[in-house]
Amino acid sequence: MDLIKYLFEKPVLNGRMARWTLLLAEFDIKYIPLKAIKGQAVFDFLADNAILERPTTHTTTLPDIGILNIVNEYWELYFDGASNYRGCGVGILLISPSGDHTPLSIKLDFDVTNNAAEYKACLYGLQAALVLKIQNLMVYGDSSLIINQDNQFADALAKLSPLVNIPPYMDTLSVVVERRSEPAYINTITSDDEENQEPWYRSIINFKTTGEYPPNIEKRGKGALRHLASQFVLEMGQLLKKTPQGTLLMCVNHKKGQE
């Protein structure tokens, strides 16, 4: 890990530990887990004590050597069902041998128990596998829910479907999951000349300094601003954000943040 990153992620380090970390940074020290050391010792022992004489009782060819070259490609099916006061639904995730994910979320317009929802999810998943003409399939149910991340995807889909309001004239509703690499307020900056623009936290500073709200703000926006401002402190004109661990983070504008 980068030294500066390590120090910033460990704000509770005492002075002695921080000084040791800085002093040791100039040396090329590499941390190796203890298990890796033990495993390497076994490998070194086997290499140093190799059998020099080849046994004469064994043949050099293996029987059925062609079977070792067969790759058993199979699909994976993860399913889960959910039943609560909002409704019932199932989540299904099919993973191809190449790693392609096919998620399915089905909303049930009839009441079932949690166990029945699990059975429905398994049946619908098998039906989807038949439609795709899948020959080899590994099915993972509720027993793999905790240890398998892909089944968490199926669990999320099962919980999502009861919350979705599908119009009566539609049978399918598409859900799009996107990724954003920057906060939303950065995308609102359109001008390249940022020196003349107000920083994103100007409203928070004005509220903490004068108690005034921005012009033309609604009642709901005032409550949101009060709640947001409670997470910041103002010291010597500098706005700082409080973390749950008690660390104060300095707020900077977009240009300073890029630097």
C-alpha atoms as a PDB file:
ATOM      1  CA  MET A   1       0.000   0.000   0.000  1.00  0.00           C
ATOM      2  CA  ASP A   2       1.140   3.525  -0.695  1.00  0.00           C
ATOM      3  CA  LEU A   3       2.587   5.110   2.451  1.00  0.00           C
ATOM      4  CA  ILE A   4       0.556   8.329   2.303  1.00  0.00           C
ATOM      5  CA  LYS A   5      -2.621   6.369   1.591  1.00  0.00           C
ATOM      6  CA  TYR A   6      -1.893   4.102   4.561  1.00  0.00           C
ATOM      7  CA  LEU A   7      -1.423   7.017   6.935  1.00  0.00           C
ATOM      8  CA  PHE A   8      -4.625   8.717   5.781  1.00  0.00           C
ATOM      9  CA  GLU A   9      -6.643   5.502   6.163  1.00  0.00           C
ATOM     10  CA  LYS A  10      -5.293   4.988   9.707  1.00  0.00           C
ATOM     11  CA  PRO A  11      -6.143   8.247  11.508  1.00  0.00           C
ATOM     12  CA  VAL A  12      -5.992   6.542  14.931  1.00  0.00           C
ATOM     13  CA  LEU A  13      -2.258   5.694  14.656  1.00  0.00           C
ATOM     14  CA  ASN A  14      -0.276   7.087  17.557  1.00  0.00           C
ATOM     15  CA  GLY A  15       2.838   9.168  17.042  1.00  0.00           C
ATOM     16  CA  ARG A  16       5.266   6.300  17.565  1.00  0.00           C
ATOM     17  CA  MET A  17       3.630   4.047  14.947  1.00  0.00           C
ATOM     18  CA  ALA A  18       3.501   6.915  12.448  1.00  0.00           C
ATOM     19  CA  ARG A  19       7.205   7.705  12.976  1.00  0.00           C
ATOM     20  CA  TRP A  20       8.143   4.039  12.539  1.00  0.00           C
ATOM     21  CA  THR A  21       6.157   3.894   9.318  1.00  0.00           C
ATOM     22  CA  LEU A  22       7.951   6.955   7.921  1.00  0.00           C
ATOM     23  CA  LEU A  23      11.401   5.708   8.972  1.00  0.00           C
ATOM     24  CA  LEU A  24      10.871   2.275   7.412  1.00  0.00           C
ATOM     25  CA  ALA A  25       9.552   3.771   4.170  1.00  0.00           C
ATOM     26  CA  GLU A  26      13.075   4.343   2.801  1.00  0.00           C
ATOM     27  CA  PHE A  27      13.876   0.617   2.954  1.00  0.00           C
ATOM     28  CA  ASP A  28      12.652  -1.918   0.399  1.00  0.00           C
ATOM     29  CA  ILE A  29      10.593  -3.968   2.849  1.00  0.00           C
ATOM     30  CA  LYS A  30       8.015  -6.384   1.490  1.00  0.00           C
ATOM     31  CA  TYR A  31       5.374  -7.975   3.709  1.00  0.00           C
ATOM     32  CA  ILE A  32       4.687 -11.671   3.074  1.00  0.00           C
ATOM     33  CA  PRO A  33       1.834 -13.467   4.909  1.00  0.00           C
ATOM     34  CA  LEU A  34       2.900 -16.268   7.214  1.00  0.00           C
ATOM     35  CA  LYS A  35       0.977 -18.879   5.224  1.00  0.00           C
ATOM     36  CA  ALA A  36       2.919 -17.965   2.101  1.00  0.00           C
ATOM     37  CA  ILE A  37       6.192 -18.397   3.996  1.00  0.00           C
ATOM     38  CA  LYS A  38       5.147 -21.843   5.215  1.00  0.00           C
ATOM     39  CA  GLY A  39       4.082 -22.894   1.742  1.00  0.00           C
ATOM     40  CA  GLN A  40       7.325 -21.697   0.200  1.00  0.00           C
ATOM     41  CA  ALA A  41       9.287 -23.651   2.814  1.00  0.00           C
ATOM     42  CA  VAL A  42       7.500 -26.861   1.775  1.00  0.00           C
ATOM     43  CA  PHE A  43       8.247 -26.187  -1.882  1.00  0.00           C
ATOM     44  CA  ASP A  44      11.913 -25.493  -1.127  1.00  0.00           C
ATOM     45  CA  PHE A  45      12.171 -28.733   0.874  1.00  0.00           C
ATOM     46  CA  LEU A  46      10.689 -30.792  -1.968  1.00  0.00           C
ATOM     47  CA  ALA A  47      12.999 -29.141  -4.490  1.00  0.00           C
ATOM     48  CA  ASP A  48      16.102 -29.766  -2.368  1.00  0.00           C
ATOM     49  CA  ASN A  49      15.166 -33.406  -1.723  1.00  0.00           C
ATOM     50  CA  ALA A  50      14.083 -34.484  -5.185  1.00  0.00           C
ATOM     51  CA  ILE A  51      14.126 -38.208  -6.075  1.00  0.00           C
ATOM     52  CA  LEU A  52      17.092 -38.720  -8.338  1.00  0.00           C
ATOM     53  CA  GLU A  53      16.334 -42.298  -9.411  1.00  0.00           C
ATOM     54  CA  ARG A  54      13.254 -42.906 -11.545  1.00  0.00           C
ATOM     55  CA  PRO A  55      11.098 -45.796 -10.245  1.00  0.00           C
ATOM     56  CA  THR A  56      11.209 -48.809 -12.530  1.00  0.00           C
ATOM     57  CA  THR A  57       7.846 -50.245 -11.500  1.00  0.00           C
ATOM     58  CA  HIS A  58       5.786 -47.456 -13.083  1.00  0.00           C
ATOM     59  CA  THR A  59       5.203 -46.728 -16.724  1.00  0.00           C
ATOM     60  CA  THR A  60       5.825 -43.328 -18.245  1.00  0.00           C
ATOM     61  CA  THR A  61       2.371 -43.139 -19.856  1.00  0.00           C
ATOM     62  CA  LEU A  62      -0.848 -42.401 -18.068  1.00  0.00           C
ATOM     63  CA  PRO A  63      -4.022 -44.409 -18.780  1.00  0.00           C
ATOM     64  CA  ASP A  64      -6.915 -42.474 -20.275  1.00  0.00           C
ATOM     65  CA  ILE A  65      -4.707 -39.421 -20.786  1.00  0.00           C
ATOM     66  CA  GLY A  66      -7.229 -37.967 -23.224  1.00  0.00           C
ATOM     67  CA  ILE A  67      -9.818 -37.563 -20.454  1.00  0.00           C
ATOM     68  CA  LEU A  68      -7.588 -34.998 -18.728  1.00  0.00           C
ATOM     69  CA  ASN A  69      -8.000 -32.636 -21.674  1.00  0.00           C
ATOM     70  CA  ILE A  70     -11.800 -32.441 -21.391  1.00  0.00           C
ATOM     71  CA  VAL A  71     -13.088 -29.113 -20.033  1.00  0.00           C
ATOM     72  CA  ASN A  72     -16.494 -29.417 -18.382  1.00  0.00           C
ATOM     73  CA  GLU A  73     -18.146 -26.096 -19.195  1.00  0.00           C
ATOM     74  CA  TYR A  74     -21.346 -25.417 -17.300  1.00  0.00           C
ATOM     75  CA  TRP A  75     -23.690 -22.559 -16.510  1.00  0.00           C
ATOM     76  CA  GLU A  76     -24.428 -21.338 -12.995  1.00  0.00           C
ATOM     77  CA  LEU A  77     -27.887 -20.504 -11.677  1.00  0.00           C
ATOM     78  CA  TYR A  78     -28.430 -18.425  -8.553  1.00  0.00           C
ATOM     79  CA  PHE A  79     -31.934 -17.760  -7.302  1.00  0.00           C
ATOM     80  CA  ASP A  80     -33.722 -16.244  -4.350  1.00  0.00           C
ATOM     81  CA  GLY A  81     -37.269 -15.301  -3.398  1.00  0.00           C
ATOM     82  CA  ALA A  82     -38.697 -12.560  -1.219  1.00  0.00           C
ATOM     83  CA  SER A  83     -42.102 -12.062   0.351  1.00  0.00           C
ATOM     84  CA  ASN A  84     -43.016  -9.012   2.452  1.00  0.00           C
ATOM     85  CA  TYR A  85     -45.809  -6.520   2.988  1.00  0.00           C
ATOM     86  CA  ARG A  86     -45.010  -4.786  -0.292  1.00  0.00           C
ATOM     87  CA  GLY A  87     -45.462  -7.904  -2.374  1.00  0.00           C
ATOM     88  CA  CYS A  88     -43.653 -10.971  -3.629  1.00  0.00           C
ATOM     89  CA  GLY A  89     -40.875 -11.412  -6.150  1.00  0.00           C
ATOM     90  CA  VAL A  90     -38.030 -13.620  -7.255  1.00  0.00           C
ATOM     91  CA  GLY A  91     -34.508 -12.900  -8.457  1.00  0.00           C
ATOM     92  CA  ILE A  92     -32.567 -15.079 -10.874  1.00  0.00           C
ATOM     93  CA  LEU A  93     -28.993 -14.828 -12.124  1.00  0.00           C
ATOM     94  CA  LEU A  94     -27.588 -17.021 -14.904  1.00  0.00           C
ATOM     95  CA  ILE A  95     -23.832 -16.988 -15.531  1.00  0.00           C
ATOM     96  CA  SER A  96     -22.433 -18.484 -18.722  1.00  0.00           C
ATOM     97  CA  PRO A  97     -19.110 -20.391 -18.871  1.00  0.00           C
ATOM     98  CA  SER A  98     -17.529 -17.272 -20.381  1.00  0.00           C
ATOM     99  CA  GLY A  99     -18.685 -15.125 -17.437  1.00  0.00           C
ATOM    100  CA  ASP A 100     -21.653 -13.348 -19.043  1.00  0.00           C
ATOM    101  CA  HIS A 101     -24.382 -12.437 -16.517  1.00  0.00           C
ATOM    102  CA  THR A 102     -28.078 -12.682 -17.318  1.00  0.00           C
ATOM    103  CA  PRO A 103     -30.173 -11.237 -14.436  1.00  0.00           C
ATOM    104  CA  LEU A 104     -33.937 -11.744 -14.201  1.00  0.00           C
ATOM    105  CA  SER A 105     -36.296 -10.113 -11.708  1.00  0.00           C
ATOM    106  CA  ILE A 106     -39.910 -11.307 -11.672  1.00  0.00           C
ATOM    107  CA  LYS A 107     -42.753  -9.661  -9.765  1.00  0.00           C
ATOM    108  CA  LEU A 108     -45.436 -12.042  -8.472  1.00  0.00           C
ATOM    109  CA  ASP A 109     -48.993 -10.713  -8.546  1.00  0.00           C
ATOM    110  CA  PHE A 110     -50.123 -13.293  -5.979  1.00  0.00           C
ATOM    111  CA  ASP A 111     -49.277 -13.843  -2.323  1.00  0.00           C
ATOM    112  CA  VAL A 112     -46.891 -16.650  -1.393  1.00  0.00           C
ATOM    113  CA  THR A 113     -44.758 -17.478   1.615  1.00  0.00           C
ATOM    114  CA  ASN A 114     -40.996 -17.065   1.650  1.00  0.00           C
ATOM    115  CA  ASN A 115     -40.493 -20.799   1.095  1.00  0.00           C
ATOM    116  CA  ALA A 116     -42.933 -20.809  -1.813  1.00  0.00           C
ATOM    117  CA  ALA A 117     -41.158 -17.801  -3.304  1.00  0.00           C
ATOM    118  CA  GLU A 118     -37.896 -19.759  -3.119  1.00  0.00           C
ATOM    119  CA  TYR A 119     -39.505 -22.680  -4.988  1.00  0.00           C
ATOM    120  CA  LYS A 120     -40.924 -20.325  -7.610  1.00  0.00           C
ATOM    121  CA  ALA A 121     -37.528 -18.729  -8.106  1.00  0.00           C
ATOM    122  CA  CYS A 122     -35.908 -22.123  -8.664  1.00  0.00           C
ATOM    123  CA  LEU A 123     -38.614 -23.189 -11.135  1.00  0.00           C
ATOM    124  CA  TYR A 124     -38.470 -19.934 -13.093  1.00  0.00           C
ATOM    125  CA  GLY A 125     -34.685 -20.186 -13.208  1.00  0.00           C
ATOM    126  CA  LEU A 126     -34.873 -23.713 -14.605  1.00  0.00           C
ATOM    127  CA  GLN A 127     -37.439 -22.578 -17.164  1.00  0.00           C
ATOM    128  CA  ALA A 128     -35.089 -19.777 -18.266  1.00  0.00           C
ATOM    129  CA  ALA A 129     -32.283 -22.330 -18.581  1.00  0.00           C
ATOM    130  CA  LEU A 130     -34.497 -24.497 -20.808  1.00  0.00           C
ATOM    131  CA  VAL A 131     -35.317 -21.524 -23.020  1.00  0.00           C
ATOM    132  CA  LEU A 132     -31.574 -20.859 -23.447  1.00  0.00           C
ATOM    133  CA  LYS A 133     -31.039 -24.602 -24.181  1.00  0.00           C
ATOM    134  CA  ILE A 134     -28.507 -24.988 -21.397  1.00  0.00           C
ATOM    135  CA  GLN A 135     -27.226 -28.548 -21.052  1.00  0.00           C
ATOM    136  CA  ASN A 136     -24.882 -28.346 -18.032  1.00  0.00           C
ATOM    137  CA  LEU A 137     -26.160 -26.310 -15.092  1.00  0.00           C
ATOM    138  CA  MET A 138     -25.027 -25.861 -11.495  1.00  0.00           C
ATOM    139  CA  VAL A 139     -27.828 -24.563  -9.244  1.00  0.00           C
ATOM    140  CA  TYR A 140     -27.083 -22.590  -6.087  1.00  0.00           C
ATOM    141  CA  GLY A 141     -29.885 -21.807  -3.684  1.00  0.00           C
ATOM    142  CA  ASP A 142     -30.263 -20.251  -0.264  1.00  0.00           C
ATOM    143  CA  SER A 143     -27.447 -22.301   1.265  1.00  0.00           C
ATOM    144  CA  SER A 144     -24.915 -20.309  -0.763  1.00  0.00           C
ATOM    145  CA  LEU A 145     -26.468 -16.919  -0.003  1.00  0.00           C
ATOM    146  CA  ILE A 146     -23.890 -15.795   2.543  1.00  0.00           C
ATOM    147  CA  ILE A 147     -20.688 -17.129   0.982  1.00  0.00           C
ATOM    148  CA  ASN A 148     -21.407 -16.342  -2.674  1.00  0.00           C
ATOM    149  CA  GLN A 149     -21.525 -12.791  -3.971  1.00  0.00           C
ATOM    150  CA  ASP A 150     -23.413 -13.691  -7.138  1.00  0.00           C
ATOM    151  CA  ASN A 151     -26.315 -14.963  -5.064  1.00  0.00           C
ATOM    152  CA  GLN A 152     -26.390 -11.552  -3.381  1.00  0.00           C
ATOM    153  CA  PHE A 153     -27.206 -10.213  -6.846  1.00  0.00           C
ATOM    154  CA  ALA A 154     -30.130 -12.637  -7.056  1.00  0.00           C
ATOM    155  CA  ASP A 155     -31.241 -11.626  -3.562  1.00  0.00           C
ATOM    156  CA  ALA A 156     -31.145  -7.938  -4.547  1.00  0.00           C
ATOM    157  CA  LEU A 157     -33.239  -8.650  -7.648  1.00  0.00           C
ATOM    158  CA  ALA A 158     -35.773 -10.564  -5.553  1.00  0.00           C
ATOM    159  CA  LYS A 159     -36.137  -7.619  -3.167  1.00  0.00           C
ATOM    160  CA  LEU A 160     -36.306  -5.154  -6.044  1.00  0.00           C
ATOM    161  CA  SER A 161     -39.180  -6.702  -7.951  1.00  0.00           C
ATOM    162  CA  PRO A 162     -41.905  -6.169  -5.267  1.00  0.00           C
ATOM    163  CA  LEU A 163     -40.988  -2.458  -5.125  1.00  0.00           C
ATOM    164  CA  VAL A 164     -41.416  -1.898  -8.868  1.00  0.00           C
ATOM    165  CA  ASN A 165     -44.819  -0.681 -10.041  1.00  0.00           C
ATOM    166  CA  ILE A 166     -45.359  -2.270 -13.469  1.00  0.00           C
ATOM    167  CA  PRO A 167     -48.249  -0.737 -15.463  1.00  0.00           C
ATOM    168  CA  PRO A 168     -51.086  -3.169 -16.295  1.00  0.00           C
ATOM    169  CA  TYR A 169     -50.457  -2.868 -20.038  1.00  0.00           C
ATOM    170  CA  MET A 170     -46.785  -3.943 -19.687  1.00  0.00           C
ATOM    171  CA  ASP A 171     -45.316  -7.367 -18.963  1.00  0.00           C
ATOM    172  CA  THR A 172     -41.645  -6.371 -18.852  1.00  0.00           C
ATOM    173  CA  LEU A 173     -39.932  -3.339 -17.331  1.00  0.00           C
ATOM    174  CA  SER A 174     -36.242  -2.773 -18.036  1.00  0.00           C
ATOM    175  CA  VAL A 175     -33.891  -1.701 -15.241  1.00  0.00           C
ATOM    176  CA  VAL A 176     -30.612   0.033 -16.139  1.00  0.00           C
ATOM    177  CA  VAL A 177     -27.653   0.031 -13.720  1.00  0.00           C
ATOM    178  CA  GLU A 178     -25.043   2.679 -14.530  1.00  0.00           C
ATOM    179  CA  ARG A 179     -21.664   3.581 -13.070  1.00  0.00           C
ATOM    180  CA  ARG A 180     -20.582   7.132 -12.226  1.00  0.00           C
ATOM    181  CA  SER A 181     -16.937   8.009 -11.673  1.00  0.00           C
ATOM    182  CA  GLU A 182     -17.517  11.529 -10.291  1.00  0.00           C
ATOM    183  CA  PRO A 183     -19.957  13.108  -7.819  1.00  0.00           C
ATOM    184  CA  ALA A 184     -23.046  14.743  -9.269  1.00  0.00           C
ATOM    185  CA  TYR A 185     -22.060  18.297  -8.332  1.00  0.00           C
ATOM    186  CA  ILE A 186     -18.885  18.036 -10.472  1.00  0.00           C
ATOM    187  CA  ASN A 187     -20.978  17.390 -13.574  1.00  0.00           C
ATOM    188  CA  THR A 188     -22.793  20.706 -13.043  1.00  0.00           C
ATOM    189  CA  ILE A 189     -19.608  22.681 -13.727  1.00  0.00           C
ATOM    190  CA  THR A 190     -19.663  23.566 -17.410  1.00  0.00           C
ATOM    191  CA  SER A 191     -17.196  26.454 -17.652  1.00  0.00           C
ATOM    192  CA  ASP A 192     -13.453  25.918 -17.811  1.00  0.00           C
ATOM    193  CA  ASP A 193     -12.818  29.164 -15.944  1.00  0.00           C
ATOM    194  CA  GLU A 194     -13.526  28.015 -12.383  1.00  0.00           C
ATOM    195  CA  GLU A 195     -11.725  30.807 -10.598  1.00  0.00           C
ATOM    196  CA  ASN A 196     -14.719  33.111 -11.051  1.00  0.00           C
ATOM    197  CA  GLN A 197     -17.247  30.486 -10.014  1.00  0.00           C
ATOM    198  CA  GLU A 198     -18.588  29.817  -6.551  1.00  0.00           C
ATOM    199  CA  PRO A 199     -17.362  26.563  -4.965  1.00  0.00           C
ATOM    200  CA  TRP A 200     -19.863  23.786  -4.398  1.00  0.00           C
ATOM    201  CA  TYR A 201     -19.896  24.398  -0.638  1.00  0.00           C
ATOM    202  CA  ARG A 202     -20.651  28.152  -0.787  1.00  0.00           C
ATOM    203  CA  SER A 203     -24.260  27.694   0.389  1.00  0.00           C
ATOM    204  CA  ILE A 204     -23.055  25.695   3.404  1.00  0.00           C
ATOM    205  CA  ILE A 205     -20.554  28.390   4.396  1.00  0.00           C
ATOM    206  CA  ASN A 206     -23.155  31.166   4.034  1.00  0.00           C
ATOM    207  CA  PHE A 207     -25.653  29.232   6.161  1.00  0.00           C
ATOM    208  CA  LYS A 208     -23.132  28.490   8.925  1.00  0.00           C
ATOM    209  CA  THR A 209     -21.880  32.088   8.892  1.00  0.00           C
ATOM    210  CA  THR A 210     -25.086  34.121   8.565  1.00  0.00           C
ATOM    211  CA  GLY A 211     -27.857  31.534   8.934  1.00  0.00           C
ATOM    212  CA  GLU A 212     -29.341  32.656   5.612  1.00  0.00           C
ATOM    213  CA  TYR A 213     -30.696  30.367   2.930  1.00  0.00           C
ATOM    214  CA  PRO A 214     -30.044  30.692  -0.821  1.00  0.00           C
ATOM    215  CA  PRO A 215     -32.675  32.703  -2.692  1.00  0.00           C
ATOM    216  CA  ASN A 216     -35.732  30.940  -4.159  1.00  0.00           C
ATOM    217  CA  ILE A 217     -35.217  27.810  -2.079  1.00  0.00           C
ATOM    218  CA  GLU A 218     -38.214  25.675  -1.070  1.00  0.00           C
ATOM    219  CA  LYS A 219     -39.068  24.501   2.438  1.00  0.00           C
ATOM    220  CA  ARG A 220     -37.813  20.977   1.768  1.00  0.00           C
ATOM    221  CA  GLY A 221     -34.519  22.379   0.471  1.00  0.00           C
ATOM    222  CA  LYS A 222     -34.076  24.419   3.642  1.00  0.00           C
ATOM    223  CA  GLY A 223     -34.380  21.277   5.768  1.00  0.00           C
ATOM    224  CA  ALA A 224     -31.910  19.455   3.562  1.00  0.00           C
ATOM    225  CA  LEU A 225     -29.430  22.325   3.834  1.00  0.00           C
ATOM    226  CA  ARG A 226     -29.734  22.404   7.641  1.00  0.00           C
ATOM    227  CA  HIS A 227     -29.114  18.655   7.824  1.00  0.00           C
ATOM    228  CA  LEU A 228     -26.147  18.911   5.442  1.00  0.00           C
ATOM    229  CA  ALA A 229     -24.599  21.843   7.288  1.00  0.00           C
ATOM    230  CA  SER A 230     -24.681  19.900  10.574  1.00  0.00           C
ATOM    231  CA  GLN A 231     -22.017  17.583   9.130  1.00  0.00           C
ATOM    232  CA  PHE A 232     -19.525  20.427   8.637  1.00  0.00           C
ATOM    233  CA  VAL A 233     -17.563  22.782  10.904  1.00  0.00           C
ATOM    234  CA  LEU A 234     -16.097  26.180  10.061  1.00  0.00           C
ATOM    235  CA  GLU A 235     -12.677  27.036  11.473  1.00  0.00           C
ATOM    236  CA  MET A 236     -10.678  30.144  10.491  1.00  0.00           C
ATOM    237  CA  GLY A 237     -12.777  30.539   7.358  1.00  0.00           C
ATOM    238  CA  GLN A 238     -12.035  26.964   6.225  1.00  0.00           C
ATOM    239  CA  LEU A 239     -14.910  24.485   5.860  1.00  0.00           C
ATOM    240  CA  LEU A 240     -14.196  21.035   7.271  1.00  0.00           C
ATOM    241  CA  LYS A 241     -16.336  17.902   7.073  1.00  0.00           C
ATOM    242  CA  LYS A 242     -16.650  15.635  10.107  1.00  0.00           C
ATOM    243  CA  THR A 243     -16.312  11.873   9.565  1.00  0.00           C
ATOM    244  CA  PRO A 244     -17.878   9.253  11.875  1.00  0.00           C
ATOM    245  CA  GLN A 245     -14.350   8.513  13.162  1.00  0.00           C
ATOM    246  CA  GLY A 246     -13.893  12.139  14.218  1.00  0.00           C
ATOM    247  CA  THR A 247     -11.471  13.098  11.438  1.00  0.00           C
ATOM    248  CA  LEU A 248     -11.851  16.556   9.875  1.00  0.00           C
ATOM    249  CA  LEU A 249     -11.585  16.653   6.065  1.00  0.00           C
ATOM    250  CA  MET A 250     -10.793  19.908   4.284  1.00  0.00           C
ATOM    251  CA  CYS A 251     -13.319  20.964   1.627  1.00  0.00           C
ATOM    252  CA  VAL A 252     -11.803  22.229  -1.631  1.00  0.00           C
ATOM    253  CA  ASN A 253     -13.182  23.314  -4.972  1.00  0.00           C
ATOM    254  CA  HIS A 254     -12.996  21.246  -8.131  1.00  0.00           C
ATOM    255  CA  LYS A 255      -9.774  22.774  -9.431  1.00  0.00           C
ATOM    256  CA  LYS A 256      -7.951  22.373  -6.122  1.00  0.00           C
ATOM    257  CA  GLY A 257      -9.230  18.819  -5.841  1.00  0.00           C
ATOM    258  CA  GLN A 258      -7.804  17.948  -9.245  1.00  0.00           C
ATOM    259  CA  GLU A 259      -4.435  19.364  -8.187  1.00  0.00           C
END
